[in-house]
Amino acid sequence: MNEYNKMVKKLEDSAVALAKSEREGAWREMARQVAHEIKNPLTPMKLSIQYLQRAIKERNPNIESLSARVSSTLVEQIDQLAKIASDFSQFANLGNIKIEVFDVNEVLNSLIDLYRANERLDITFDHPDQRALISADRSQINRLFTNLFQNAVEASEGQPVIKICINEMINANKLQIDISDRGYGIAEEKRQKIFTPNFTTKTSGTGLGLAMCKGIVEKANGRIWFDTEVGQGTTFHVLLPLVGFPEA
């Protein structure tokens, strides 16, 4: 019996040590990613300032226009740094949720109004004429759909008109929201990693957007998945539980 207890204790200690090692490994990987993402904007910022310093030293006659260009570059890169900080902060705070009951259509309509300010966007929203009440963190749900909208826009960059179709369906106590673009689709070799933190199909970015989407949906007891076809576009599906049955 003593040997059995010792063995159980060793297994428990091993499990604790393994969990600790995995957490430390995840944080090390996150720290490496943060360092990498921060370094990207810092390099052009440093080069721009050095270029301006040299121009001032050499009394370049175009110093005013050079200063304007450098200032523009610095502001752009500072915005990028702010986005990086925001992405990592939001990802780290996924567990801090404030549950409330609200109509998800209010969030969607608000975002659609914002995106319609872009004249290149053609957004349609097809939904039942009834409320869609869910129990979740409103700010995180807003972030979820902001990320999905932005992905749809970026997937269609280069097209003269960017079409985004939002379709909402209610079946008993389930709400399904589909967000479709007519972009370039997702290559087959990248599909398995779409929701993996630090993975991105873009040339820049933290790769946390869709990982956050998955975390937000799961915190709301829902599910997220996608269908895609290269050259035709992608549809992200979000399934969320409704609070009771929605009223007309």
Protein backbone atom coordinates (compact mmCIF):
# COMPACT_ATOMS: atom_id res chain seq x y z
CA MET A 1 0.00 0.00 0.00
CA ASN A 2 2.88 2.36 0.83
CA GLU A 3 4.47 1.67 -2.57
CA TYR A 4 1.14 2.40 -4.26
CA ASN A 5 0.81 5.71 -2.42
CA LYS A 6 4.39 6.64 -3.34
CA MET A 7 3.68 5.84 -6.98
CA VAL A 8 0.49 7.97 -6.94
CA LYS A 9 2.44 10.82 -5.30
CA LYS A 10 5.17 10.59 -7.94
CA LEU A 11 2.56 10.68 -10.71
CA GLU A 12 0.91 13.73 -9.14
CA ASP A 13 4.28 15.48 -8.80
CA SER A 14 5.13 14.61 -12.41
CA ALA A 15 1.79 15.99 -13.61
CA VAL A 16 2.33 19.24 -11.69
CA ALA A 17 5.88 19.55 -13.04
CA LEU A 18 4.69 18.87 -16.61
CA ALA A 19 1.91 21.47 -16.35
CA LYS A 20 4.39 24.00 -14.96
CA SER A 21 6.86 23.25 -17.75
CA GLU A 22 4.15 23.61 -20.41
CA ARG A 23 3.01 26.95 -18.95
CA GLU A 24 6.59 28.23 -18.83
CA GLY A 25 7.17 27.04 -22.38
CA ALA A 26 4.02 28.82 -23.58
CA TRP A 27 5.07 32.06 -21.88
CA ARG A 28 8.60 31.79 -23.33
CA GLU A 29 7.13 31.36 -26.80
CA MET A 30 4.81 34.32 -26.20
CA ALA A 31 7.76 36.44 -25.01
CA ARG A 32 9.73 35.56 -28.15
CA GLN A 33 6.75 36.50 -30.30
CA VAL A 34 6.30 39.84 -28.48
CA ALA A 35 10.01 40.65 -28.94
CA HIS A 36 9.82 39.76 -32.63
CA GLU A 37 6.70 41.82 -33.29
CA ILE A 38 8.06 44.86 -31.42
CA LYS A 39 11.36 44.72 -33.29
CA ASN A 40 9.64 44.98 -36.68
CA PRO A 41 8.32 48.56 -36.24
CA LEU A 42 11.35 49.71 -34.23
CA THR A 43 13.77 49.12 -37.11
CA PRO A 44 12.15 51.57 -39.60
CA MET A 45 11.64 54.05 -36.75
CA LYS A 46 15.35 54.02 -35.92
CA LEU A 47 16.39 54.26 -39.57
CA SER A 48 13.99 57.17 -40.17
CA ILE A 49 15.35 59.15 -37.20
CA GLN A 50 18.96 58.47 -38.25
CA TYR A 51 18.12 59.65 -41.77
CA LEU A 52 16.58 62.85 -40.40
CA GLN A 53 19.56 63.45 -38.08
CA ARG A 54 21.95 63.15 -41.02
CA ALA A 55 19.83 65.52 -43.11
CA ILE A 56 19.86 68.12 -40.30
CA LYS A 57 23.62 67.76 -39.85
CA GLU A 58 24.22 68.21 -43.60
CA ARG A 59 21.76 71.14 -43.72
CA ASN A 60 19.67 69.47 -46.37
CA PRO A 61 17.53 72.15 -48.12
CA ASN A 62 14.54 69.75 -48.19
CA ILE A 63 14.55 69.30 -44.43
CA GLU A 64 10.90 70.37 -44.06
CA SER A 65 9.52 67.75 -46.48
CA LEU A 66 11.91 65.14 -45.05
CA SER A 67 10.64 65.90 -41.53
CA ALA A 68 7.05 65.46 -42.71
CA ARG A 69 7.84 62.07 -44.27
CA VAL A 70 9.74 60.87 -41.21
CA SER A 71 6.92 62.04 -38.92
CA SER A 72 4.40 60.13 -41.01
CA THR A 73 6.54 56.98 -40.81
CA LEU A 74 6.93 57.31 -37.05
CA VAL A 75 3.19 57.78 -36.48
CA GLU A 76 2.44 54.74 -38.66
CA GLN A 77 4.93 52.55 -36.78
CA ILE A 78 3.73 53.81 -33.38
CA ASP A 79 0.20 52.82 -34.39
CA GLN A 80 1.54 49.38 -35.26
CA LEU A 81 3.22 49.10 -31.85
CA ALA A 82 -0.03 50.12 -30.17
CA LYS A 83 -1.91 47.43 -32.09
CA ILE A 84 0.67 44.81 -31.10
CA ALA A 85 0.34 45.79 -27.44
CA SER A 86 -3.45 45.74 -27.70
CA ASP A 87 -3.51 42.29 -29.34
CA PHE A 88 -1.31 40.70 -26.69
CA SER A 89 -3.16 42.46 -23.88
CA GLN A 90 -6.54 41.28 -25.16
CA PHE A 91 -5.27 37.73 -25.62
CA ALA A 92 -3.88 37.68 -22.07
CA ASN A 93 -7.21 38.93 -20.68
CA LEU A 94 -9.50 36.46 -22.44
CA GLY A 95 -10.26 34.83 -19.09
CA ASN A 96 -11.45 38.09 -17.52
CA ILE A 97 -15.05 38.15 -18.63
CA LYS A 98 -18.09 40.14 -17.59
CA ILE A 99 -21.23 38.20 -18.45
CA GLU A 100 -24.40 40.03 -19.43
CA VAL A 101 -27.48 39.31 -21.53
CA PHE A 102 -27.74 41.39 -24.71
CA ASP A 103 -28.98 41.36 -28.29
CA VAL A 104 -26.06 40.38 -30.52
CA ASN A 105 -27.74 42.19 -33.44
CA GLU A 106 -27.05 45.50 -31.68
CA VAL A 107 -23.32 44.70 -31.81
CA LEU A 108 -23.47 43.58 -35.44
CA ASN A 109 -25.49 46.59 -36.63
CA SER A 110 -23.14 48.99 -34.85
CA LEU A 111 -20.08 47.41 -36.51
CA ILE A 112 -21.76 47.30 -39.92
CA ASP A 113 -22.54 51.04 -39.68
CA LEU A 114 -18.86 51.71 -38.96
CA TYR A 115 -17.60 49.58 -41.84
CA ARG A 116 -20.09 51.06 -44.31
CA ALA A 117 -18.18 54.34 -44.02
CA ASN A 118 -15.67 52.68 -46.39
CA GLU A 119 -17.09 53.28 -49.86
CA ARG A 120 -15.28 50.23 -51.25
CA LEU A 121 -17.23 47.89 -48.97
CA ASP A 122 -20.51 46.28 -49.95
CA ILE A 123 -21.96 44.72 -46.78
CA THR A 124 -25.24 42.84 -46.58
CA PHE A 125 -26.86 41.58 -43.37
CA ASP A 126 -29.66 39.02 -43.65
CA HIS A 127 -31.28 38.10 -40.34
CA PRO A 128 -34.66 37.07 -38.85
CA ASP A 129 -36.94 39.85 -37.65
CA GLN A 130 -36.49 39.01 -33.98
CA ARG A 131 -34.07 39.59 -31.15
CA ALA A 132 -31.04 37.35 -30.69
CA LEU A 133 -30.30 37.36 -26.97
CA ILE A 134 -27.07 35.75 -25.78
CA SER A 135 -25.26 35.59 -22.45
CA ALA A 136 -21.63 36.60 -22.90
CA ASP A 137 -19.07 39.36 -22.46
CA ARG A 138 -20.34 42.13 -24.75
CA SER A 139 -16.92 43.73 -25.32
CA GLN A 140 -15.40 40.37 -26.26
CA ILE A 141 -18.24 39.58 -28.67
CA ASN A 142 -17.65 43.01 -30.22
CA ARG A 143 -13.96 42.09 -30.57
CA LEU A 144 -14.89 38.72 -32.08
CA PHE A 145 -16.91 40.23 -34.91
CA THR A 146 -14.50 43.13 -35.39
CA ASN A 147 -11.73 40.59 -36.01
CA LEU A 148 -13.89 38.55 -38.40
CA PHE A 149 -15.00 41.66 -40.31
CA GLN A 150 -11.41 42.87 -40.58
CA ASN A 151 -10.25 39.45 -41.78
CA ALA A 152 -12.93 39.51 -44.48
CA VAL A 153 -11.76 42.95 -45.62
CA GLU A 154 -8.08 42.00 -45.66
CA ALA A 155 -8.82 38.73 -47.49
CA SER A 156 -10.28 40.78 -50.36
CA GLU A 157 -7.60 43.50 -50.60
CA GLY A 158 -6.83 44.51 -54.16
CA GLN A 159 -10.41 44.02 -55.35
CA PRO A 160 -12.25 47.16 -56.53
CA VAL A 161 -15.31 46.25 -54.46
CA ILE A 162 -15.07 44.26 -51.22
CA LYS A 163 -18.19 42.18 -50.65
CA ILE A 164 -19.03 40.89 -47.17
CA CYS A 165 -22.20 38.91 -46.56
CA ILE A 166 -23.51 38.33 -43.03
CA ASN A 167 -26.22 35.73 -42.65
CA GLU A 168 -27.94 34.97 -39.35
CA MET A 169 -30.04 31.89 -38.64
CA ILE A 170 -31.95 30.88 -35.50
CA ASN A 171 -32.77 27.26 -34.82
CA ALA A 172 -34.49 26.57 -31.49
CA ASN A 173 -32.00 27.80 -28.88
CA LYS A 174 -29.02 28.15 -31.23
CA LEU A 175 -27.87 31.22 -33.13
CA GLN A 176 -25.61 30.82 -36.16
CA ILE A 177 -23.90 33.80 -37.77
CA ASP A 178 -22.01 33.32 -41.05
CA ILE A 179 -19.58 35.95 -42.31
CA SER A 180 -18.57 35.42 -45.94
CA ASP A 181 -16.06 37.17 -48.14
CA ARG A 182 -15.21 36.76 -51.81
CA GLY A 183 -11.49 36.96 -51.21
CA TYR A 184 -8.63 34.68 -52.11
CA GLY A 185 -9.49 31.81 -49.78
CA ILE A 186 -7.16 29.94 -47.44
CA ALA A 187 -4.54 27.57 -48.83
CA GLU A 188 -5.05 23.95 -47.81
CA GLU A 189 -1.72 23.65 -45.99
CA LYS A 190 -2.66 26.59 -43.72
CA ARG A 191 -6.16 25.52 -42.73
CA GLN A 192 -5.22 23.30 -39.78
CA LYS A 193 -3.37 26.14 -38.04
CA ILE A 194 -5.86 28.96 -38.57
CA PHE A 195 -6.92 29.11 -34.90
CA THR A 196 -3.40 28.51 -33.53
CA PRO A 197 -1.86 31.44 -31.58
CA ASN A 198 1.01 33.18 -33.39
CA PHE A 199 0.00 31.70 -36.75
CA THR A 200 -0.96 34.14 -39.49
CA THR A 201 -1.50 34.02 -43.24
CA LYS A 202 -0.55 37.71 -43.47
CA THR A 203 2.89 39.23 -44.01
CA SER A 204 2.55 41.13 -40.73
CA GLY A 205 0.56 40.92 -37.53
CA THR A 206 0.67 38.98 -34.30
CA GLY A 207 -1.34 35.99 -35.48
CA LEU A 208 -3.58 36.27 -32.42
CA GLY A 209 -6.79 37.50 -34.05
CA LEU A 210 -8.42 34.16 -34.89
CA ALA A 211 -6.98 32.48 -31.79
CA MET A 212 -8.76 35.19 -29.78
CA CYS A 213 -11.95 34.60 -31.78
CA LYS A 214 -11.87 30.91 -30.89
CA GLY A 215 -11.24 31.69 -27.20
CA ILE A 216 -14.07 34.24 -27.07
CA VAL A 217 -16.57 31.89 -28.72
CA GLU A 218 -15.63 29.01 -26.42
CA LYS A 219 -15.99 31.26 -23.35
CA ALA A 220 -19.54 31.94 -24.57
CA ASN A 221 -20.14 28.15 -24.82
CA GLY A 222 -20.19 28.35 -28.60
CA ARG A 223 -18.29 27.01 -31.58
CA ILE A 224 -16.46 28.56 -34.54
CA TRP A 225 -15.39 26.95 -37.81
CA PHE A 226 -14.93 27.91 -41.44
CA ASP A 227 -15.38 26.82 -45.05
CA THR A 228 -13.02 28.09 -47.71
CA GLU A 229 -12.21 27.70 -51.37
CA VAL A 230 -9.06 29.10 -52.92
CA GLY A 231 -9.92 31.88 -55.36
CA GLN A 232 -13.57 31.96 -54.24
CA GLY A 233 -13.56 33.15 -50.63
CA THR A 234 -14.08 32.07 -47.03
CA THR A 235 -17.04 31.81 -44.66
CA PHE A 236 -16.58 31.82 -40.89
CA HIS A 237 -19.44 30.25 -38.93
CA VAL A 238 -20.14 31.25 -35.32
CA LEU A 239 -22.63 29.17 -33.31
CA LEU A 240 -23.81 30.61 -29.98
CA PRO A 241 -26.46 29.50 -27.48
CA LEU A 242 -29.43 31.81 -27.13
CA VAL A 243 -30.88 32.85 -23.79
CA GLY A 244 -34.19 31.00 -23.78
CA PHE A 245 -36.17 31.48 -26.94
CA PRO A 246 -35.99 34.87 -28.70
CA GLU A 247 -39.15 36.90 -28.89
CA ALA A 248 -40.41 38.51 -32.09
